[in-house]
Amino acid sequence: MRRHSGFTLVELLVVIAIIGVLIGLLLPAVQAAREAARRSSCTNKVKQLALAFLNYENSRKEFPKYQYNNDPSWNEWRGHGVWTQMLPFIEEQALYDQFDFAQAFDAGRNYGSGQPGRARIDGFQCPSDSPFPDSNWGGTNYAVSGGATKNLYSKLAATTASGALLRWFPTTVAELTDGLSKTVLIAEFLHGDNNGGALNLERDFTNGLSLATANFPTAAEIETAGQACDGTAAGYQVVNAGKHWNAGLPGQCVINTVAPPNWAHVNCAESTGFGYAADRQGIFPARSMHPGGVSTAACDGSTHFVNDNIELVTWQRLGARGDGQAANW
């Protein structure tokens, strides 16, 4: 009788198990390689945005404000944001020309269906994060730095803890006294999840912040404030951060360095309810989907990946533009 060669059932199962183990070992490496590529792409986008600011400064001899309120009859929070000013410098002149700056950022001409404020701009999207959940809105993952102060939404001139950009005042290079290379200009943040039914500490905003020290608060102070805000967030959530990239508001185009990157607590603003994230002072950390840190750019255009475990004082000093305590990355 002829004998037929082949695998026994046991041998086949062993081979399948070995293949499964090899795939299990390979998959994390593939995922890590993909994230490394996404992070590199994200860093490049931060770099391009920083270069746009330098081109703006070169042509205007000043950095922009982060909010433009062109009509005193508007509510203050309705001013256009800094990203609209950057459009001509990121090859979006045609989109810039569609805005009506005589009307508020959320006026129908700028904000309605099919209008320029809803455009999705690839340069504002970090590939490690998913797009804003409502496809009718463009969203953004990038913001400018308001500094190491909870009072980043102030209408006043700069303090020692203020960031590279102010709300209603432009910034000159001479005012960045700690040095362009030692002052944060841009950092990542996470847009909202557009879901009011589930609490998301990384993406949601809440109110009721109590933080006595406005500038350079200690780690203990912000930890106490953060825990209190987490409790508030269960009853009050705003889920539209980053939705309106053309708005001049914290959580839409501005972060601060009061708390460390990827802070463990919810984004938290002072006072009572608000509709947009967020038209007031608060703690609005840099955040990302990258493991371990966030991509940033300094005012000289250099990029830096900042670790979540950076010393808080160092991060705060990097956010402040003129406190006389220049920190190293």
C-alpha atoms as a PDB file:
ATOM      1  CA  MET A   1       0.000   0.000   0.000  1.00  0.00           C
ATOM      2  CA  ARG A   2       1.245   3.504  -0.812  1.00  0.00           C
ATOM      3  CA  ARG A   3       1.703   5.791   2.188  1.00  0.00           C
ATOM      4  CA  HIS A   4       0.412   9.416   1.895  1.00  0.00           C
ATOM      5  CA  SER A   5       2.614  12.165   3.407  1.00  0.00           C
ATOM      6  CA  GLY A   6       1.070  15.152   5.225  1.00  0.00           C
ATOM      7  CA  PHE A   7       0.569  16.920   8.541  1.00  0.00           C
ATOM      8  CA  THR A   8      -1.162  15.291  11.422  1.00  0.00           C
ATOM      9  CA  LEU A   9      -3.823  17.303  13.212  1.00  0.00           C
ATOM     10  CA  VAL A  10      -1.472  17.915  16.132  1.00  0.00           C
ATOM     11  CA  GLU A  11       1.279  19.172  13.844  1.00  0.00           C
ATOM     12  CA  LEU A  12      -1.148  21.496  12.084  1.00  0.00           C
ATOM     13  CA  LEU A  13      -2.331  22.939  15.384  1.00  0.00           C
ATOM     14  CA  VAL A  14       1.255  23.499  16.490  1.00  0.00           C
ATOM     15  CA  VAL A  15       2.059  25.373  13.264  1.00  0.00           C
ATOM     16  CA  ILE A  16      -1.056  27.546  13.633  1.00  0.00           C
ATOM     17  CA  ALA A  17      -0.110  28.327  17.233  1.00  0.00           C
ATOM     18  CA  ILE A  18       3.426  29.321  16.207  1.00  0.00           C
ATOM     19  CA  ILE A  19       2.088  31.584  13.468  1.00  0.00           C
ATOM     20  CA  GLY A  20      -0.306  33.160  15.975  1.00  0.00           C
ATOM     21  CA  VAL A  21       2.552  33.844  18.402  1.00  0.00           C
ATOM     22  CA  LEU A  22       4.674  35.389  15.654  1.00  0.00           C
ATOM     23  CA  ILE A  23       1.812  37.638  14.567  1.00  0.00           C
ATOM     24  CA  GLY A  24       1.254  38.632  18.190  1.00  0.00           C
ATOM     25  CA  LEU A  25       4.916  39.580  18.484  1.00  0.00           C
ATOM     26  CA  LEU A  26       4.956  41.441  15.187  1.00  0.00           C
ATOM     27  CA  LEU A  27       1.729  43.441  15.576  1.00  0.00           C
ATOM     28  CA  PRO A  28       2.950  45.808  18.337  1.00  0.00           C
ATOM     29  CA  ALA A  29       6.064  46.539  16.307  1.00  0.00           C
ATOM     30  CA  VAL A  30       3.934  47.376  13.262  1.00  0.00           C
ATOM     31  CA  GLN A  31       1.668  49.584  15.334  1.00  0.00           C
ATOM     32  CA  ALA A  32       4.670  51.338  16.878  1.00  0.00           C
ATOM     33  CA  ALA A  33       6.143  51.959  13.419  1.00  0.00           C
ATOM     34  CA  ARG A  34       2.863  53.397  12.183  1.00  0.00           C
ATOM     35  CA  GLU A  35       2.591  55.697  15.209  1.00  0.00           C
ATOM     36  CA  ALA A  36       6.179  56.823  14.694  1.00  0.00           C
ATOM     37  CA  ALA A  37       5.269  57.794  11.139  1.00  0.00           C
ATOM     38  CA  ARG A  38       2.123  59.595  12.303  1.00  0.00           C
ATOM     39  CA  ARG A  39       4.065  61.451  14.995  1.00  0.00           C
ATOM     40  CA  SER A  40       6.669  62.497  12.427  1.00  0.00           C
ATOM     41  CA  SER A  41       3.898  63.816  10.167  1.00  0.00           C
ATOM     42  CA  CYS A  42       2.343  65.671  13.095  1.00  0.00           C
ATOM     43  CA  THR A  43       5.676  67.257  14.013  1.00  0.00           C
ATOM     44  CA  ASN A  44       6.093  68.389  10.425  1.00  0.00           C
ATOM     45  CA  LYS A  45       2.676  70.063  10.511  1.00  0.00           C
ATOM     46  CA  VAL A  46       3.608  71.872  13.730  1.00  0.00           C
ATOM     47  CA  LYS A  47       6.816  72.980  12.022  1.00  0.00           C
ATOM     48  CA  GLN A  48       4.953  74.340   9.007  1.00  0.00           C
ATOM     49  CA  LEU A  49       2.566  76.286  11.226  1.00  0.00           C
ATOM     50  CA  ALA A  50       5.485  77.756  13.175  1.00  0.00           C
ATOM     51  CA  LEU A  51       7.135  78.840   9.918  1.00  0.00           C
ATOM     52  CA  ALA A  52       3.866  80.497   8.921  1.00  0.00           C
ATOM     53  CA  PHE A  53       4.035  82.597  12.088  1.00  0.00           C
ATOM     54  CA  LEU A  54       7.611  83.586  11.305  1.00  0.00           C
ATOM     55  CA  ASN A  55       6.580  84.626   7.792  1.00  0.00           C
ATOM     56  CA  TYR A  56       3.713  86.625   9.286  1.00  0.00           C
ATOM     57  CA  GLU A  57       6.121  88.326  11.674  1.00  0.00           C
ATOM     58  CA  ASN A  58       8.556  89.034   8.864  1.00  0.00           C
ATOM     59  CA  SER A  59       5.856  90.792   6.832  1.00  0.00           C
ATOM     60  CA  ARG A  60       4.085  92.601   9.716  1.00  0.00           C
ATOM     61  CA  LYS A  61       6.986  93.027  12.183  1.00  0.00           C
ATOM     62  CA  GLU A  62       4.853  91.465  14.902  1.00  0.00           C
ATOM     63  CA  PHE A  63       3.213  88.186  15.818  1.00  0.00           C
ATOM     64  CA  PRO A  64      -0.605  88.176  15.626  1.00  0.00           C
ATOM     65  CA  LYS A  65      -3.131  88.427  18.407  1.00  0.00           C
ATOM     66  CA  TYR A  66      -5.016  85.221  19.018  1.00  0.00           C
ATOM     67  CA  GLN A  67      -8.411  86.944  18.909  1.00  0.00           C
ATOM     68  CA  TYR A  68      -9.637  89.690  16.590  1.00  0.00           C
ATOM     69  CA  ASN A  69     -12.733  91.604  17.601  1.00  0.00           C
ATOM     70  CA  ASN A  70     -13.414  94.012  14.751  1.00  0.00           C
ATOM     71  CA  ASP A  71     -16.709  95.457  15.967  1.00  0.00           C
ATOM     72  CA  PRO A  72     -17.461  96.708  19.507  1.00  0.00           C
ATOM     73  CA  SER A  73     -21.091  95.678  19.055  1.00  0.00           C
ATOM     74  CA  TRP A  74     -20.122  91.981  19.046  1.00  0.00           C
ATOM     75  CA  ASN A  75     -20.025  89.983  22.210  1.00  0.00           C
ATOM     76  CA  GLU A  76     -16.335  89.824  23.105  1.00  0.00           C
ATOM     77  CA  TRP A  77     -16.069  86.089  22.642  1.00  0.00           C
ATOM     78  CA  ARG A  78     -17.187  86.285  18.999  1.00  0.00           C
ATOM     79  CA  GLY A  79     -13.845  87.538  17.680  1.00  0.00           C
ATOM     80  CA  HIS A  80     -12.037  85.708  14.901  1.00  0.00           C
ATOM     81  CA  GLY A  81      -9.184  83.429  15.903  1.00  0.00           C
ATOM     82  CA  VAL A  82      -5.514  83.411  15.050  1.00  0.00           C
ATOM     83  CA  TRP A  83      -5.786  80.540  12.553  1.00  0.00           C
ATOM     84  CA  THR A  84      -7.805  82.700  10.170  1.00  0.00           C
ATOM     85  CA  GLN A  85      -4.894  85.163  10.164  1.00  0.00           C
ATOM     86  CA  MET A  86      -2.504  82.354   9.308  1.00  0.00           C
ATOM     87  CA  LEU A  87      -4.444  81.120   6.260  1.00  0.00           C
ATOM     88  CA  PRO A  88      -2.566  83.238   3.695  1.00  0.00           C
ATOM     89  CA  PHE A  89       0.712  81.914   5.100  1.00  0.00           C
ATOM     90  CA  ILE A  90      -0.227  78.227   4.777  1.00  0.00           C
ATOM     91  CA  GLU A  91      -1.327  78.448   1.134  1.00  0.00           C
ATOM     92  CA  GLU A  92      -4.998  79.049   1.993  1.00  0.00           C
ATOM     93  CA  GLN A  93      -5.392  82.573   0.615  1.00  0.00           C
ATOM     94  CA  ALA A  94      -8.525  81.622  -1.324  1.00  0.00           C
ATOM     95  CA  LEU A  95     -10.195  80.388   1.860  1.00  0.00           C
ATOM     96  CA  TYR A  96      -9.095  83.514   3.749  1.00  0.00           C
ATOM     97  CA  ASP A  97     -10.711  85.689   1.082  1.00  0.00           C
ATOM     98  CA  GLN A  98     -14.074  84.007   1.702  1.00  0.00           C
ATOM     99  CA  PHE A  99     -14.300  85.274   5.297  1.00  0.00           C
ATOM    100  CA  ASP A 100     -16.231  88.406   6.129  1.00  0.00           C
ATOM    101  CA  PHE A 101     -14.233  89.975   8.946  1.00  0.00           C
ATOM    102  CA  ALA A 102     -16.873  92.657   9.381  1.00  0.00           C
ATOM    103  CA  GLN A 103     -19.006  89.889  10.906  1.00  0.00           C
ATOM    104  CA  ALA A 104     -18.290  87.696  13.921  1.00  0.00           C
ATOM    105  CA  PHE A 105     -16.630  84.301  13.571  1.00  0.00           C
ATOM    106  CA  ASP A 106     -19.981  82.572  14.218  1.00  0.00           C
ATOM    107  CA  ALA A 107     -22.070  84.789  11.925  1.00  0.00           C
ATOM    108  CA  GLY A 108     -23.830  82.854   9.182  1.00  0.00           C
ATOM    109  CA  ARG A 109     -21.554  84.243   6.464  1.00  0.00           C
ATOM    110  CA  ASN A 110     -18.525  82.685   8.176  1.00  0.00           C
ATOM    111  CA  TYR A 111     -20.052  79.811  10.099  1.00  0.00           C
ATOM    112  CA  GLY A 112     -23.090  78.455   8.276  1.00  0.00           C
ATOM    113  CA  SER A 113     -23.304  75.329   6.166  1.00  0.00           C
ATOM    114  CA  GLY A 114     -20.812  75.464   3.318  1.00  0.00           C
ATOM    115  CA  GLN A 115     -19.089  78.565   4.708  1.00  0.00           C
ATOM    116  CA  PRO A 116     -15.312  78.947   5.219  1.00  0.00           C
ATOM    117  CA  GLY A 117     -15.368  78.441   9.006  1.00  0.00           C
ATOM    118  CA  ARG A 118     -16.401  74.831   8.451  1.00  0.00           C
ATOM    119  CA  ALA A 119     -13.558  73.927   6.107  1.00  0.00           C
ATOM    120  CA  ARG A 120     -11.388  70.971   7.007  1.00  0.00           C
ATOM    121  CA  ILE A 121      -7.736  71.950   6.638  1.00  0.00           C
ATOM    122  CA  ASP A 122      -5.270  69.089   6.529  1.00  0.00           C
ATOM    123  CA  GLY A 123      -2.562  71.202   8.140  1.00  0.00           C
ATOM    124  CA  PHE A 124      -4.700  71.508  11.287  1.00  0.00           C
ATOM    125  CA  GLN A 125      -5.184  67.731  11.694  1.00  0.00           C
ATOM    126  CA  CYS A 126      -2.829  65.462  13.628  1.00  0.00           C
ATOM    127  CA  PRO A 127      -2.884  62.020  11.939  1.00  0.00           C
ATOM    128  CA  SER A 128      -2.662  60.263  15.321  1.00  0.00           C
ATOM    129  CA  ASP A 129      -6.110  61.587  16.241  1.00  0.00           C
ATOM    130  CA  SER A 130      -9.393  60.906  14.483  1.00  0.00           C
ATOM    131  CA  PRO A 131     -11.200  63.814  12.766  1.00  0.00           C
ATOM    132  CA  PHE A 132     -13.767  65.837  14.689  1.00  0.00           C
ATOM    133  CA  PRO A 133     -16.754  63.470  15.024  1.00  0.00           C
ATOM    134  CA  ASP A 134     -19.192  65.760  13.210  1.00  0.00           C
ATOM    135  CA  SER A 135     -18.050  65.764   9.576  1.00  0.00           C
ATOM    136  CA  ASN A 136     -19.837  69.085   9.025  1.00  0.00           C
ATOM    137  CA  TRP A 137     -16.982  70.786  10.894  1.00  0.00           C
ATOM    138  CA  GLY A 138     -13.269  70.875  10.151  1.00  0.00           C
ATOM    139  CA  GLY A 139     -11.803  70.872  13.649  1.00  0.00           C
ATOM    140  CA  THR A 140      -8.187  71.316  14.721  1.00  0.00           C
ATOM    141  CA  ASN A 141      -5.543  69.639  16.873  1.00  0.00           C
ATOM    142  CA  TYR A 142      -3.210  72.624  17.196  1.00  0.00           C
ATOM    143  CA  ALA A 143      -3.242  75.712  19.391  1.00  0.00           C
ATOM    144  CA  VAL A 144      -1.023  78.642  20.296  1.00  0.00           C
ATOM    145  CA  SER A 145       0.337  79.165  23.794  1.00  0.00           C
ATOM    146  CA  GLY A 146      -1.274  81.616  26.201  1.00  0.00           C
ATOM    147  CA  GLY A 147       1.504  81.117  28.744  1.00  0.00           C
ATOM    148  CA  ALA A 148       1.930  79.889  32.306  1.00  0.00           C
ATOM    149  CA  THR A 149      -1.116  81.718  33.607  1.00  0.00           C
ATOM    150  CA  LYS A 150      -4.738  80.764  34.069  1.00  0.00           C
ATOM    151  CA  ASN A 151      -5.528  84.334  32.943  1.00  0.00           C
ATOM    152  CA  LEU A 152      -4.698  83.677  29.299  1.00  0.00           C
ATOM    153  CA  TYR A 153      -8.079  85.167  28.293  1.00  0.00           C
ATOM    154  CA  SER A 154      -7.223  88.541  29.773  1.00  0.00           C
ATOM    155  CA  LYS A 155      -7.804  91.661  27.679  1.00  0.00           C
ATOM    156  CA  LEU A 156      -4.806  93.326  29.317  1.00  0.00           C
ATOM    157  CA  ALA A 157      -1.208  93.613  28.176  1.00  0.00           C
ATOM    158  CA  ALA A 158       1.359  90.943  28.977  1.00  0.00           C
ATOM    159  CA  THR A 159       2.421  89.816  32.437  1.00  0.00           C
ATOM    160  CA  THR A 160       5.648  87.954  33.152  1.00  0.00           C
ATOM    161  CA  ALA A 161       3.725  84.674  32.862  1.00  0.00           C
ATOM    162  CA  SER A 162       1.975  85.512  29.581  1.00  0.00           C
ATOM    163  CA  GLY A 163       2.586  83.372  26.538  1.00  0.00           C
ATOM    164  CA  ALA A 164       3.879  84.065  23.059  1.00  0.00           C
ATOM    165  CA  LEU A 165       0.480  85.406  21.960  1.00  0.00           C
ATOM    166  CA  LEU A 166      -2.030  87.606  23.755  1.00  0.00           C
ATOM    167  CA  ARG A 167      -5.738  87.970  23.272  1.00  0.00           C
ATOM    168  CA  TRP A 168      -6.040  91.584  22.115  1.00  0.00           C
ATOM    169  CA  PHE A 169      -2.438  92.732  21.674  1.00  0.00           C
ATOM    170  CA  PRO A 170       0.127  91.744  19.035  1.00  0.00           C
ATOM    171  CA  THR A 171       3.567  90.590  20.164  1.00  0.00           C
ATOM    172  CA  THR A 172       6.915  91.875  18.912  1.00  0.00           C
ATOM    173  CA  VAL A 173      10.104  89.858  18.913  1.00  0.00           C
ATOM    174  CA  ALA A 174      11.585  92.333  21.397  1.00  0.00           C
ATOM    175  CA  GLU A 175       8.848  91.418  23.882  1.00  0.00           C
ATOM    176  CA  LEU A 176       9.874  87.760  23.904  1.00  0.00           C
ATOM    177  CA  THR A 177      12.632  88.530  26.364  1.00  0.00           C
ATOM    178  CA  ASP A 178      13.261  84.938  27.425  1.00  0.00           C
ATOM    179  CA  GLY A 179      14.249  84.199  23.832  1.00  0.00           C
ATOM    180  CA  LEU A 180      12.394  82.896  20.801  1.00  0.00           C
ATOM    181  CA  SER A 181      14.014  79.469  21.117  1.00  0.00           C
ATOM    182  CA  LYS A 182      12.913  79.171  24.770  1.00  0.00           C
ATOM    183  CA  THR A 183       9.254  80.167  24.433  1.00  0.00           C
ATOM    184  CA  VAL A 184       6.442  77.826  23.367  1.00  0.00           C
ATOM    185  CA  LEU A 185       4.507  79.067  20.351  1.00  0.00           C
ATOM    186  CA  ILE A 186       2.378  76.070  19.280  1.00  0.00           C
ATOM    187  CA  ALA A 187       1.341  72.832  20.957  1.00  0.00           C
ATOM    188  CA  GLU A 188      -1.048  70.002  20.278  1.00  0.00           C
ATOM    189  CA  PHE A 189      -4.378  69.569  22.008  1.00  0.00           C
ATOM    190  CA  LEU A 190      -7.287  67.178  21.634  1.00  0.00           C
ATOM    191  CA  HIS A 191     -10.547  68.303  20.087  1.00  0.00           C
ATOM    192  CA  GLY A 192     -13.846  67.413  21.749  1.00  0.00           C
ATOM    193  CA  ASP A 193     -15.618  64.123  21.180  1.00  0.00           C
ATOM    194  CA  ASN A 194     -18.999  65.798  20.487  1.00  0.00           C
ATOM    195  CA  ASN A 195     -20.606  63.373  22.939  1.00  0.00           C
ATOM    196  CA  GLY A 196     -22.368  64.921  25.912  1.00  0.00           C
ATOM    197  CA  GLY A 197     -23.539  61.563  27.168  1.00  0.00           C
ATOM    198  CA  ALA A 198     -20.157  60.234  28.295  1.00  0.00           C
ATOM    199  CA  LEU A 199     -17.465  61.982  30.335  1.00  0.00           C
ATOM    200  CA  ASN A 200     -14.088  62.216  28.619  1.00  0.00           C
ATOM    201  CA  LEU A 201     -11.497  63.891  30.844  1.00  0.00           C
ATOM    202  CA  GLU A 202      -9.023  64.326  27.984  1.00  0.00           C
ATOM    203  CA  ARG A 203     -11.435  66.074  25.619  1.00  0.00           C
ATOM    204  CA  ASP A 204     -14.253  67.633  27.645  1.00  0.00           C
ATOM    205  CA  PHE A 205     -14.360  71.042  29.303  1.00  0.00           C
ATOM    206  CA  THR A 206     -16.068  71.899  32.562  1.00  0.00           C
ATOM    207  CA  ASN A 207     -16.507  74.947  34.783  1.00  0.00           C
ATOM    208  CA  GLY A 208     -16.054  75.954  38.422  1.00  0.00           C
ATOM    209  CA  LEU A 209     -12.252  76.169  38.517  1.00  0.00           C
ATOM    210  CA  SER A 210     -10.892  77.417  41.831  1.00  0.00           C
ATOM    211  CA  LEU A 211      -7.183  78.258  41.617  1.00  0.00           C
ATOM    212  CA  ALA A 212      -5.926  81.079  43.814  1.00  0.00           C
ATOM    213  CA  THR A 213      -2.484  81.362  42.196  1.00  0.00           C
ATOM    214  CA  ALA A 214      -2.918  82.662  38.661  1.00  0.00           C
ATOM    215  CA  ASN A 215       0.717  82.512  37.534  1.00  0.00           C
ATOM    216  CA  PHE A 216       3.042  79.526  37.959  1.00  0.00           C
ATOM    217  CA  PRO A 217       0.824  77.581  40.399  1.00  0.00           C
ATOM    218  CA  THR A 218       2.457  74.648  42.144  1.00  0.00           C
ATOM    219  CA  ALA A 219       1.854  71.007  41.265  1.00  0.00           C
ATOM    220  CA  ALA A 220      -0.058  70.564  44.521  1.00  0.00           C
ATOM    221  CA  GLU A 221      -2.336  73.509  43.730  1.00  0.00           C
ATOM    222  CA  ILE A 222      -3.246  72.329  40.266  1.00  0.00           C
ATOM    223  CA  GLU A 223      -3.741  68.751  41.468  1.00  0.00           C
ATOM    224  CA  THR A 224      -6.270  69.949  44.055  1.00  0.00           C
ATOM    225  CA  ALA A 225      -8.010  72.095  41.452  1.00  0.00           C
ATOM    226  CA  GLY A 226      -8.030  69.244  38.932  1.00  0.00           C
ATOM    227  CA  GLN A 227      -9.632  66.776  41.298  1.00  0.00           C
ATOM    228  CA  ALA A 228     -12.364  69.290  42.109  1.00  0.00           C
ATOM    229  CA  CYS A 229     -12.985  69.919  38.408  1.00  0.00           C
ATOM    230  CA  ASP A 230     -13.275  66.189  37.715  1.00  0.00           C
ATOM    231  CA  GLY A 231     -16.156  66.128  40.172  1.00  0.00           C
ATOM    232  CA  THR A 232     -17.831  69.083  38.470  1.00  0.00           C
ATOM    233  CA  ALA A 233     -17.449  67.517  35.013  1.00  0.00           C
ATOM    234  CA  ALA A 234     -19.900  64.760  35.880  1.00  0.00           C
ATOM    235  CA  GLY A 235     -22.648  67.392  35.897  1.00  0.00           C
ATOM    236  CA  TYR A 236     -21.412  69.913  33.323  1.00  0.00           C
ATOM    237  CA  GLN A 237     -19.648  69.104  30.061  1.00  0.00           C
ATOM    238  CA  VAL A 238     -18.754  71.099  26.981  1.00  0.00           C
ATOM    239  CA  VAL A 239     -17.726  68.760  24.166  1.00  0.00           C
ATOM    240  CA  ASN A 240     -16.940  71.103  21.248  1.00  0.00           C
ATOM    241  CA  ALA A 241     -13.261  71.936  21.842  1.00  0.00           C
ATOM    242  CA  GLY A 242     -11.398  72.392  18.568  1.00  0.00           C
ATOM    243  CA  LYS A 243     -14.603  72.306  16.547  1.00  0.00           C
ATOM    244  CA  HIS A 244     -14.419  75.991  15.615  1.00  0.00           C
ATOM    245  CA  TRP A 245     -10.833  76.508  14.475  1.00  0.00           C
ATOM    246  CA  ASN A 246     -11.714  80.046  13.341  1.00  0.00           C
ATOM    247  CA  ALA A 247     -12.729  81.122  16.876  1.00  0.00           C
ATOM    248  CA  GLY A 248     -10.391  83.105  19.131  1.00  0.00           C
ATOM    249  CA  LEU A 249     -11.052  81.094  22.285  1.00  0.00           C
ATOM    250  CA  PRO A 250      -9.174  78.816  24.681  1.00  0.00           C
ATOM    251  CA  GLY A 251      -9.915  75.269  23.630  1.00  0.00           C
ATOM    252  CA  GLN A 252     -10.459  76.366  20.038  1.00  0.00           C
ATOM    253  CA  CYS A 253      -7.086  77.925  19.250  1.00  0.00           C
ATOM    254  CA  VAL A 254      -5.272  78.474  22.588  1.00  0.00           C
ATOM    255  CA  ILE A 255      -3.785  76.334  25.378  1.00  0.00           C
ATOM    256  CA  ASN A 256      -1.702  77.268  28.407  1.00  0.00           C
ATOM    257  CA  THR A 257       1.214  75.674  30.251  1.00  0.00           C
ATOM    258  CA  VAL A 258      -0.231  75.910  33.754  1.00  0.00           C
ATOM    259  CA  ALA A 259      -0.606  72.107  33.913  1.00  0.00           C
ATOM    260  CA  PRO A 260       1.720  69.501  32.379  1.00  0.00           C
ATOM    261  CA  PRO A 261       1.118  67.938  28.965  1.00  0.00           C
ATOM    262  CA  ASN A 262      -1.622  65.290  28.937  1.00  0.00           C
ATOM    263  CA  TRP A 263      -2.753  66.346  32.405  1.00  0.00           C
ATOM    264  CA  ALA A 264      -4.706  63.627  34.220  1.00  0.00           C
ATOM    265  CA  HIS A 265      -7.710  65.903  34.854  1.00  0.00           C
ATOM    266  CA  VAL A 266     -10.438  67.549  32.804  1.00  0.00           C
ATOM    267  CA  ASN A 267      -9.929  70.901  31.059  1.00  0.00           C
ATOM    268  CA  CYS A 268     -11.406  73.368  33.513  1.00  0.00           C
ATOM    269  CA  ALA A 269     -12.592  76.985  33.230  1.00  0.00           C
ATOM    270  CA  GLU A 270     -13.613  79.504  35.830  1.00  0.00           C
ATOM    271  CA  SER A 271     -17.137  80.688  36.614  1.00  0.00           C
ATOM    272  CA  THR A 272     -20.422  79.139  35.497  1.00  0.00           C
ATOM    273  CA  GLY A 273     -21.718  77.697  32.229  1.00  0.00           C
ATOM    274  CA  PHE A 274     -20.488  78.513  28.753  1.00  0.00           C
ATOM    275  CA  GLY A 275     -21.351  77.256  25.293  1.00  0.00           C
ATOM    276  CA  TYR A 276     -18.056  77.311  23.426  1.00  0.00           C
ATOM    277  CA  ALA A 277     -14.923  75.827  24.944  1.00  0.00           C
ATOM    278  CA  ALA A 278     -14.139  78.238  26.512  1.00  0.00           C
ATOM    279  CA  ASP A 279     -14.680  81.990  26.758  1.00  0.00           C
ATOM    280  CA  ARG A 280     -12.887  82.573  30.064  1.00  0.00           C
ATOM    281  CA  GLN A 281      -9.797  81.875  32.169  1.00  0.00           C
ATOM    282  CA  GLY A 282      -8.808  78.360  33.150  1.00  0.00           C
ATOM    283  CA  ILE A 283      -6.475  75.393  32.871  1.00  0.00           C
ATOM    284  CA  PHE A 284      -6.265  74.219  29.264  1.00  0.00           C
ATOM    285  CA  PRO A 285      -3.347  71.773  28.856  1.00  0.00           C
ATOM    286  CA  ALA A 286      -1.525  70.618  25.758  1.00  0.00           C
ATOM    287  CA  ARG A 287      -2.632  67.081  24.870  1.00  0.00           C
ATOM    288  CA  SER A 288      -2.037  64.501  22.164  1.00  0.00           C
ATOM    289  CA  MET A 289      -2.641  60.903  21.146  1.00  0.00           C
ATOM    290  CA  HIS A 290       1.101  60.239  20.975  1.00  0.00           C
ATOM    291  CA  PRO A 291       2.362  57.933  23.730  1.00  0.00           C
ATOM    292  CA  GLY A 292       4.350  59.875  26.286  1.00  0.00           C
ATOM    293  CA  GLY A 293       4.106  63.499  25.214  1.00  0.00           C
ATOM    294  CA  VAL A 294       3.089  66.259  22.805  1.00  0.00           C
ATOM    295  CA  SER A 295       4.605  67.906  19.746  1.00  0.00           C
ATOM    296  CA  THR A 296       5.398  71.595  20.165  1.00  0.00           C
ATOM    297  CA  ALA A 297       7.153  74.438  18.365  1.00  0.00           C
ATOM    298  CA  ALA A 298       9.088  77.358  19.801  1.00  0.00           C
ATOM    299  CA  CYS A 299       8.895  80.922  18.518  1.00  0.00           C
ATOM    300  CA  ASP A 300      12.057  80.440  16.454  1.00  0.00           C
ATOM    301  CA  GLY A 301      10.379  77.651  14.482  1.00  0.00           C
ATOM    302  CA  SER A 302      12.217  74.771  16.163  1.00  0.00           C
ATOM    303  CA  THR A 303      10.126  71.727  17.099  1.00  0.00           C
ATOM    304  CA  HIS A 304      10.305  69.700  20.313  1.00  0.00           C
ATOM    305  CA  PHE A 305       8.548  66.599  21.596  1.00  0.00           C
ATOM    306  CA  VAL A 306       7.762  67.373  25.241  1.00  0.00           C
ATOM    307  CA  ASN A 307       7.508  64.417  27.592  1.00  0.00           C
ATOM    308  CA  ASP A 308       4.484  64.132  29.881  1.00  0.00           C
ATOM    309  CA  ASN A 309       6.889  63.862  32.811  1.00  0.00           C
ATOM    310  CA  ILE A 310       8.652  67.151  32.157  1.00  0.00           C
ATOM    311  CA  GLU A 311       9.261  69.047  35.377  1.00  0.00           C
ATOM    312  CA  LEU A 312       6.241  71.315  35.862  1.00  0.00           C
ATOM    313  CA  VAL A 313       8.320  74.413  36.611  1.00  0.00           C
ATOM    314  CA  THR A 314      10.337  73.870  33.419  1.00  0.00           C
ATOM    315  CA  TRP A 315       7.169  73.533  31.329  1.00  0.00           C
ATOM    316  CA  GLN A 316       5.688  76.640  32.887  1.00  0.00           C
ATOM    317  CA  ARG A 317       8.881  78.626  32.280  1.00  0.00           C
ATOM    318  CA  LEU A 318       8.907  77.522  28.644  1.00  0.00           C
ATOM    319  CA  GLY A 319       5.358  78.830  28.335  1.00  0.00           C
ATOM    320  CA  ALA A 320       6.161  82.218  29.827  1.00  0.00           C
ATOM    321  CA  ARG A 321       7.668  84.701  27.409  1.00  0.00           C
ATOM    322  CA  GLY A 322       9.356  87.164  29.755  1.00  0.00           C
ATOM    323  CA  ASP A 323       9.681  85.975  33.349  1.00  0.00           C
ATOM    324  CA  GLY A 324      13.492  86.163  33.293  1.00  0.00           C
ATOM    325  CA  GLN A 325      13.813  82.417  33.956  1.00  0.00           C
ATOM    326  CA  ALA A 326      14.557  81.017  30.516  1.00  0.00           C
ATOM    327  CA  ALA A 327      14.315  77.222  30.600  1.00  0.00           C
ATOM    328  CA  ASN A 328      15.927  74.614  28.391  1.00  0.00           C
ATOM    329  CA  TRP A 329      13.954  72.030  26.460  1.00  0.00           C
END
